[in-house]
Amino acid sequence: DGDGDGGGAVSSADALAIVDLFVGVAAPTLALFAADAKVRELDEDAARSGAYGDAPPPPPPPPSDEENERDLPCAYTIFFAMHAALTPGITENALWSELHRVNIANGGEWIETRLLASGPRTNPWFHECSMRVIEAGDMVSFDTDLVGPYGYCADMSRAWVCSATPTARQRELYQLSYEQIQHDISVLRPGMSFREVSEACWPIPPAYRANKYGFMVHGVGLADEWPGIPYPQDWANSGYDGTIVPGMVLSVESFIGDESGGEGVKLEEMVLVTKTGTELMSTYPYDEALLATG
């Protein structure tokens, strides 16, 4: 109803547009109610189907050489573009926008989070990107958390130092995180129980345990998925039974940040579980300057 002066009136064209929008969005839901469909919470069996591929969708056609750059290698292209854009004076948000730009330009879909931080905001982890201006010498860590081409998730993390030679402390943090990633990938084998994986994890030094990442390994499919394998000290609260099997895609996580403060390093790698071990899902290299000794 209008208020007498036309201020609250809705034109016929606007009303039809609203009806069209409602029908387009709500009609499928109304059809479910009309059919007396039952809605329930996602259960463990449904979650497992994503990890094991019990009921896989039809596979996409094999990519051409050009299209091959749009699947997980799209993450390589994204890393390259972000690293090139990382110069003093750029904001965290502007650097993060490079991830969006390259993902969308290559046929990607959407981003789950905004996890990019620089300098003192890198520790503890889980600060979303902001308008903070990145300075020379800052550590910059980020997590892609993106749904890319063909609807598949690419969930990897890297860390760089902006336009400066890394300090000894930055190298130490990075090398600890790298060591954790490499160790935890090396222990993964088909047939291991989730508990066995947890117990075989890299021993986190005491100073970094309080700020560790929540899981050492988690599943990846159309998004971050089951399973989530916690560290041994967290097993009683969040651990559960399961087995590593060929065909699983897993993300191996690491965050190293001292509980007393200072910068932190976030690294993450995706692997495919094979009949004999694992295969890396990305070939993007780690930072040689941060891995250097002496």
Protein backbone atom coordinates (compact mmCIF):
# COMPACT_ATOMS: atom_id res chain seq x y z
CA ASP A 1 0.00 0.00 0.00
CA GLY A 2 1.08 3.56 -0.71
CA ASP A 3 1.16 6.30 1.90
CA GLY A 4 -0.99 8.69 -0.10
CA ASP A 5 1.80 10.57 -1.85
CA GLY A 6 3.16 7.77 -3.99
CA GLY A 7 6.32 7.44 -1.89
CA GLY A 8 5.54 3.85 -0.89
CA ALA A 9 3.94 2.72 -4.15
CA VAL A 10 5.38 -0.14 -6.20
CA SER A 11 4.96 0.03 -9.96
CA SER A 12 3.45 -2.86 -11.90
CA ALA A 13 6.80 -3.50 -13.60
CA ASP A 14 8.60 -3.62 -10.22
CA ALA A 15 5.96 -5.95 -8.82
CA LEU A 16 6.35 -8.36 -11.75
CA ALA A 17 10.14 -8.28 -11.33
CA ILE A 18 9.77 -9.17 -7.65
CA VAL A 19 7.42 -12.05 -8.49
CA ASP A 20 9.82 -13.33 -11.15
CA LEU A 21 12.70 -13.20 -8.66
CA PHE A 22 10.65 -15.02 -6.02
CA VAL A 23 9.57 -17.73 -8.43
CA GLY A 24 13.10 -18.22 -9.74
CA VAL A 25 14.64 -18.50 -6.27
CA ALA A 26 11.86 -20.01 -4.19
CA ALA A 27 10.07 -22.29 -6.64
CA PRO A 28 12.52 -25.20 -6.23
CA THR A 29 12.17 -24.98 -2.43
CA LEU A 30 8.37 -24.78 -2.64
CA ALA A 31 8.38 -27.83 -4.91
CA LEU A 32 10.29 -29.79 -2.25
CA PHE A 33 7.70 -28.85 0.38
CA ALA A 34 4.85 -29.77 -1.98
CA ALA A 35 6.41 -33.19 -2.47
CA ASP A 36 6.68 -33.57 1.33
CA ALA A 37 10.46 -33.92 1.03
CA LYS A 38 12.37 -34.52 4.24
CA VAL A 39 15.29 -32.25 5.07
CA ARG A 40 18.04 -33.52 7.37
CA GLU A 41 21.51 -32.56 8.49
CA LEU A 42 24.45 -33.69 6.37
CA ASP A 43 25.54 -36.96 7.95
CA GLU A 44 28.93 -38.62 8.06
CA ASP A 45 28.12 -41.00 5.21
CA ALA A 46 27.30 -38.08 2.92
CA ALA A 47 30.44 -36.26 3.99
CA ARG A 48 32.53 -39.36 3.33
CA SER A 49 31.16 -39.71 -0.16
CA GLY A 50 32.92 -36.48 -1.11
CA ALA A 51 36.26 -37.70 0.21
CA TYR A 52 36.12 -41.24 -1.10
CA GLY A 53 34.32 -40.48 -4.34
CA ASP A 54 31.62 -43.09 -3.60
CA ALA A 55 29.17 -41.29 -5.85
CA PRO A 56 31.31 -39.11 -8.11
CA PRO A 57 29.80 -36.70 -10.65
CA PRO A 58 30.54 -37.31 -14.33
CA PRO A 59 34.19 -36.37 -14.90
CA PRO A 60 34.94 -33.28 -16.96
CA PRO A 61 36.44 -33.83 -20.41
CA PRO A 62 40.23 -34.07 -20.46
CA PRO A 63 41.63 -30.53 -20.59
CA SER A 64 43.61 -29.28 -23.55
CA ASP A 65 47.09 -27.88 -22.97
CA GLU A 66 45.54 -24.44 -22.61
CA GLU A 67 42.77 -25.60 -20.29
CA ASN A 68 45.25 -27.54 -18.17
CA GLU A 69 46.39 -24.19 -16.80
CA ARG A 70 42.90 -23.69 -15.39
CA ASP A 71 42.68 -26.64 -13.00
CA LEU A 72 45.00 -26.89 -9.99
CA PRO A 73 47.83 -25.30 -12.03
CA CYS A 74 45.60 -22.21 -11.87
CA ALA A 75 46.95 -21.93 -8.33
CA TYR A 76 50.45 -21.69 -9.81
CA THR A 77 49.28 -18.81 -12.03
CA ILE A 78 47.67 -17.13 -9.03
CA PHE A 79 50.81 -17.44 -6.90
CA PHE A 80 52.90 -16.02 -9.73
CA ALA A 81 50.61 -13.00 -10.14
CA MET A 82 50.41 -12.32 -6.40
CA HIS A 83 54.16 -12.56 -5.93
CA ALA A 84 54.72 -10.15 -8.83
CA ALA A 85 52.26 -7.68 -7.26
CA LEU A 86 53.84 -7.88 -3.80
CA THR A 87 55.67 -4.54 -3.55
CA PRO A 88 55.93 -2.02 -0.70
CA GLY A 89 52.86 0.20 -0.54
CA ILE A 90 50.28 -2.32 -1.73
CA THR A 91 47.49 -3.04 0.74
CA GLU A 92 46.58 -6.53 1.90
CA ASN A 93 43.21 -6.15 0.17
CA ALA A 94 44.80 -5.11 -3.12
CA LEU A 95 47.16 -8.09 -3.03
CA TRP A 96 44.25 -10.41 -2.22
CA SER A 97 42.35 -9.03 -5.20
CA GLU A 98 44.99 -10.58 -7.47
CA LEU A 99 43.86 -14.01 -6.27
CA HIS A 100 40.25 -13.20 -7.22
CA ARG A 101 41.23 -11.67 -10.54
CA VAL A 102 43.29 -14.59 -11.79
CA ASN A 103 40.87 -17.21 -10.51
CA ILE A 104 37.89 -15.62 -12.24
CA ALA A 105 39.84 -14.84 -15.44
CA ASN A 106 40.71 -18.54 -15.72
CA GLY A 107 37.14 -19.76 -15.24
CA GLY A 108 37.19 -20.12 -11.45
CA GLU A 109 34.16 -19.62 -9.25
CA TRP A 110 34.43 -18.24 -5.72
CA ILE A 111 36.62 -17.82 -2.63
CA GLU A 112 35.77 -19.29 0.77
CA THR A 113 37.77 -16.90 2.98
CA ARG A 114 39.93 -13.73 3.04
CA LEU A 115 42.96 -15.20 4.80
CA LEU A 116 45.92 -12.99 3.92
CA ALA A 117 47.94 -11.14 6.54
CA SER A 118 51.20 -9.21 6.68
CA GLY A 119 53.80 -8.27 9.27
CA PRO A 120 52.47 -8.38 12.86
CA ARG A 121 49.03 -9.53 11.64
CA THR A 122 50.44 -12.90 10.53
CA ASN A 123 50.47 -14.24 14.11
CA PRO A 124 48.20 -15.63 15.40
CA TRP A 125 46.66 -16.97 12.21
CA PHE A 126 43.14 -16.29 10.86
CA HIS A 127 43.31 -12.51 10.45
CA GLU A 128 41.37 -11.56 7.31
CA CYS A 129 43.01 -9.20 4.85
CA SER A 130 42.61 -5.48 5.51
CA MET A 131 43.61 -2.05 4.28
CA ARG A 132 46.96 -2.39 6.06
CA VAL A 133 49.79 -1.17 3.83
CA ILE A 134 52.45 -3.86 3.35
CA GLU A 135 55.97 -2.61 4.05
CA ALA A 136 59.37 -3.78 2.80
CA GLY A 137 60.57 -6.63 4.98
CA ASP A 138 57.10 -7.76 6.06
CA MET A 139 56.29 -11.45 6.09
CA VAL A 140 53.13 -12.09 4.06
CA SER A 141 51.17 -15.33 4.49
CA PHE A 142 47.95 -16.37 2.78
CA ASP A 143 45.61 -19.31 2.20
CA THR A 144 43.93 -19.65 -1.21
CA ASP A 145 40.72 -21.37 -0.02
CA LEU A 146 39.36 -20.97 -3.55
CA VAL A 147 36.87 -22.87 -5.65
CA GLY A 148 38.43 -22.79 -9.07
CA PRO A 149 37.71 -24.04 -12.58
CA TYR A 150 35.31 -27.02 -12.89
CA GLY A 151 34.14 -26.36 -9.32
CA TYR A 152 37.12 -27.99 -7.64
CA CYS A 153 38.74 -26.53 -4.54
CA ALA A 154 42.38 -25.43 -4.53
CA ASP A 155 43.46 -25.04 -0.92
CA MET A 156 47.13 -24.15 -0.54
CA SER A 157 49.19 -21.62 1.40
CA ARG A 158 52.44 -19.82 0.80
CA ALA A 159 54.48 -17.13 2.57
CA TRP A 160 56.89 -14.51 1.21
CA VAL A 161 58.91 -11.58 2.45
CA CYS A 162 58.13 -8.28 0.72
CA SER A 163 61.04 -6.81 -1.26
CA ALA A 164 63.79 -7.55 1.24
CA THR A 165 66.32 -10.17 2.26
CA PRO A 166 64.66 -12.37 4.91
CA THR A 167 65.89 -12.00 8.46
CA ALA A 168 67.31 -14.96 10.36
CA ARG A 169 64.11 -15.14 12.39
CA GLN A 170 61.91 -15.17 9.28
CA ARG A 171 64.01 -17.97 7.81
CA GLU A 172 63.74 -19.94 11.05
CA LEU A 173 59.93 -19.69 11.12
CA TYR A 174 59.62 -20.58 7.45
CA GLN A 175 61.97 -23.55 7.68
CA LEU A 176 60.11 -24.98 10.68
CA SER A 177 56.83 -24.72 8.77
CA TYR A 178 58.41 -26.28 5.69
CA GLU A 179 59.83 -29.12 7.79
CA GLN A 180 56.39 -29.79 9.24
CA ILE A 181 54.76 -29.90 5.80
CA GLN A 182 57.38 -32.24 4.37
CA HIS A 183 57.28 -34.59 7.35
CA ASP A 184 53.51 -34.83 7.50
CA ILE A 185 53.29 -35.51 3.75
CA SER A 186 55.96 -38.20 4.03
CA VAL A 187 54.04 -40.24 6.62
CA LEU A 188 50.77 -40.43 4.65
CA ARG A 189 50.08 -43.92 3.28
CA PRO A 190 46.89 -45.67 2.17
CA GLY A 191 45.58 -48.00 4.84
CA MET A 192 46.60 -45.78 7.76
CA SER A 193 43.91 -45.01 10.30
CA PHE A 194 43.26 -41.36 11.08
CA ARG A 195 44.61 -42.01 14.59
CA GLU A 196 47.84 -43.43 13.14
CA VAL A 197 48.25 -40.34 10.95
CA SER A 198 47.75 -38.10 13.97
CA GLU A 199 50.29 -39.98 16.06
CA ALA A 200 52.88 -39.86 13.24
CA CYS A 201 52.71 -36.06 12.88
CA TRP A 202 55.70 -33.73 13.18
CA PRO A 203 56.37 -32.82 16.83
CA ILE A 204 55.61 -29.11 17.12
CA PRO A 205 58.14 -27.29 19.34
CA PRO A 206 56.59 -26.08 22.62
CA ALA A 207 56.76 -22.36 21.79
CA TYR A 208 54.51 -22.84 18.74
CA ARG A 209 51.90 -25.27 20.08
CA ALA A 210 49.45 -22.68 21.41
CA ASN A 211 49.11 -21.04 17.98
CA LYS A 212 49.24 -24.20 15.85
CA TYR A 213 46.71 -24.77 13.08
CA GLY A 214 43.52 -26.54 14.15
CA PHE A 215 44.07 -29.68 12.03
CA MET A 216 47.19 -31.31 10.65
CA VAL A 217 45.34 -32.71 7.61
CA HIS A 218 41.88 -32.23 6.08
CA GLY A 219 40.03 -33.43 3.01
CA VAL A 220 39.49 -31.38 -0.15
CA GLY A 221 36.88 -31.80 -2.91
CA LEU A 222 34.35 -29.20 -3.98
CA ALA A 223 35.42 -27.29 -0.84
CA ASP A 224 37.25 -28.08 2.40
CA GLU A 225 35.75 -31.44 3.35
CA TRP A 226 35.88 -34.48 5.60
CA PRO A 227 38.06 -35.79 7.10
CA GLY A 228 39.68 -33.42 9.56
CA ILE A 229 42.57 -35.11 11.35
CA PRO A 230 43.61 -33.35 14.56
CA TYR A 231 46.90 -33.38 16.42
CA PRO A 232 47.40 -36.06 19.10
CA GLN A 233 46.77 -33.64 21.97
CA ASP A 234 43.39 -32.76 20.44
CA TRP A 235 42.34 -36.31 19.59
CA ALA A 236 40.13 -36.85 22.65
CA ASN A 237 38.00 -33.82 21.75
CA SER A 238 37.84 -33.97 17.94
CA GLY A 239 39.30 -37.24 16.66
CA TYR A 240 37.24 -40.01 15.02
CA ASP A 241 37.72 -43.28 13.18
CA GLY A 242 38.53 -43.53 9.50
CA THR A 243 41.09 -44.80 7.02
CA ILE A 244 43.28 -43.14 4.38
CA VAL A 245 42.45 -44.67 0.98
CA PRO A 246 43.69 -44.15 -2.59
CA GLY A 247 41.84 -41.40 -4.41
CA MET A 248 41.55 -39.08 -1.42
CA VAL A 249 42.76 -35.52 -1.91
CA LEU A 250 44.14 -34.06 1.30
CA SER A 251 45.53 -30.71 2.41
CA VAL A 252 48.49 -30.86 4.78
CA GLU A 253 48.56 -27.81 7.05
CA SER A 254 51.16 -25.87 8.99
CA PHE A 255 51.21 -22.63 10.92
CA ILE A 256 54.28 -21.61 12.90
CA GLY A 257 53.92 -18.58 15.15
CA ASP A 258 55.41 -18.06 18.61
CA GLU A 259 52.79 -17.66 21.32
CA SER A 260 54.81 -14.71 22.69
CA GLY A 261 54.27 -12.76 19.46
CA GLY A 262 56.15 -11.78 16.34
CA GLU A 263 55.46 -12.83 12.77
CA GLY A 264 54.12 -16.21 11.69
CA VAL A 265 54.30 -18.47 8.63
CA LYS A 266 51.40 -20.35 7.05
CA LEU A 267 52.17 -23.12 4.54
CA GLU A 268 49.86 -25.75 3.08
CA GLU A 269 50.12 -28.35 0.35
CA MET A 270 47.54 -30.50 -1.43
CA VAL A 271 48.30 -34.16 -2.16
CA LEU A 272 46.55 -37.01 -3.94
CA VAL A 273 46.67 -40.34 -2.10
CA THR A 274 47.84 -43.11 -4.44
CA LYS A 275 48.21 -46.87 -3.99
CA THR A 276 51.77 -46.40 -2.72
CA GLY A 277 51.86 -42.94 -1.12
CA THR A 278 51.04 -39.42 -2.28
CA GLU A 279 51.49 -37.11 -5.26
CA LEU A 280 51.71 -33.33 -5.05
CA MET A 281 48.83 -31.44 -6.66
CA SER A 282 50.90 -28.31 -7.31
CA THR A 283 54.39 -27.65 -8.61
CA TYR A 284 54.69 -24.08 -7.31
CA PRO A 285 58.09 -23.86 -5.58
CA TYR A 286 58.85 -22.77 -2.06
CA ASP A 287 60.84 -19.59 -1.44
CA GLU A 288 64.55 -20.29 -1.87
CA ALA A 289 65.60 -17.18 0.05
CA LEU A 290 63.57 -18.31 3.05
CA LEU A 291 64.95 -21.84 2.83
CA ALA A 292 68.55 -20.61 2.66
CA THR A 293 70.84 -21.35 5.59
CA GLY A 294 73.55 -19.19 7.09
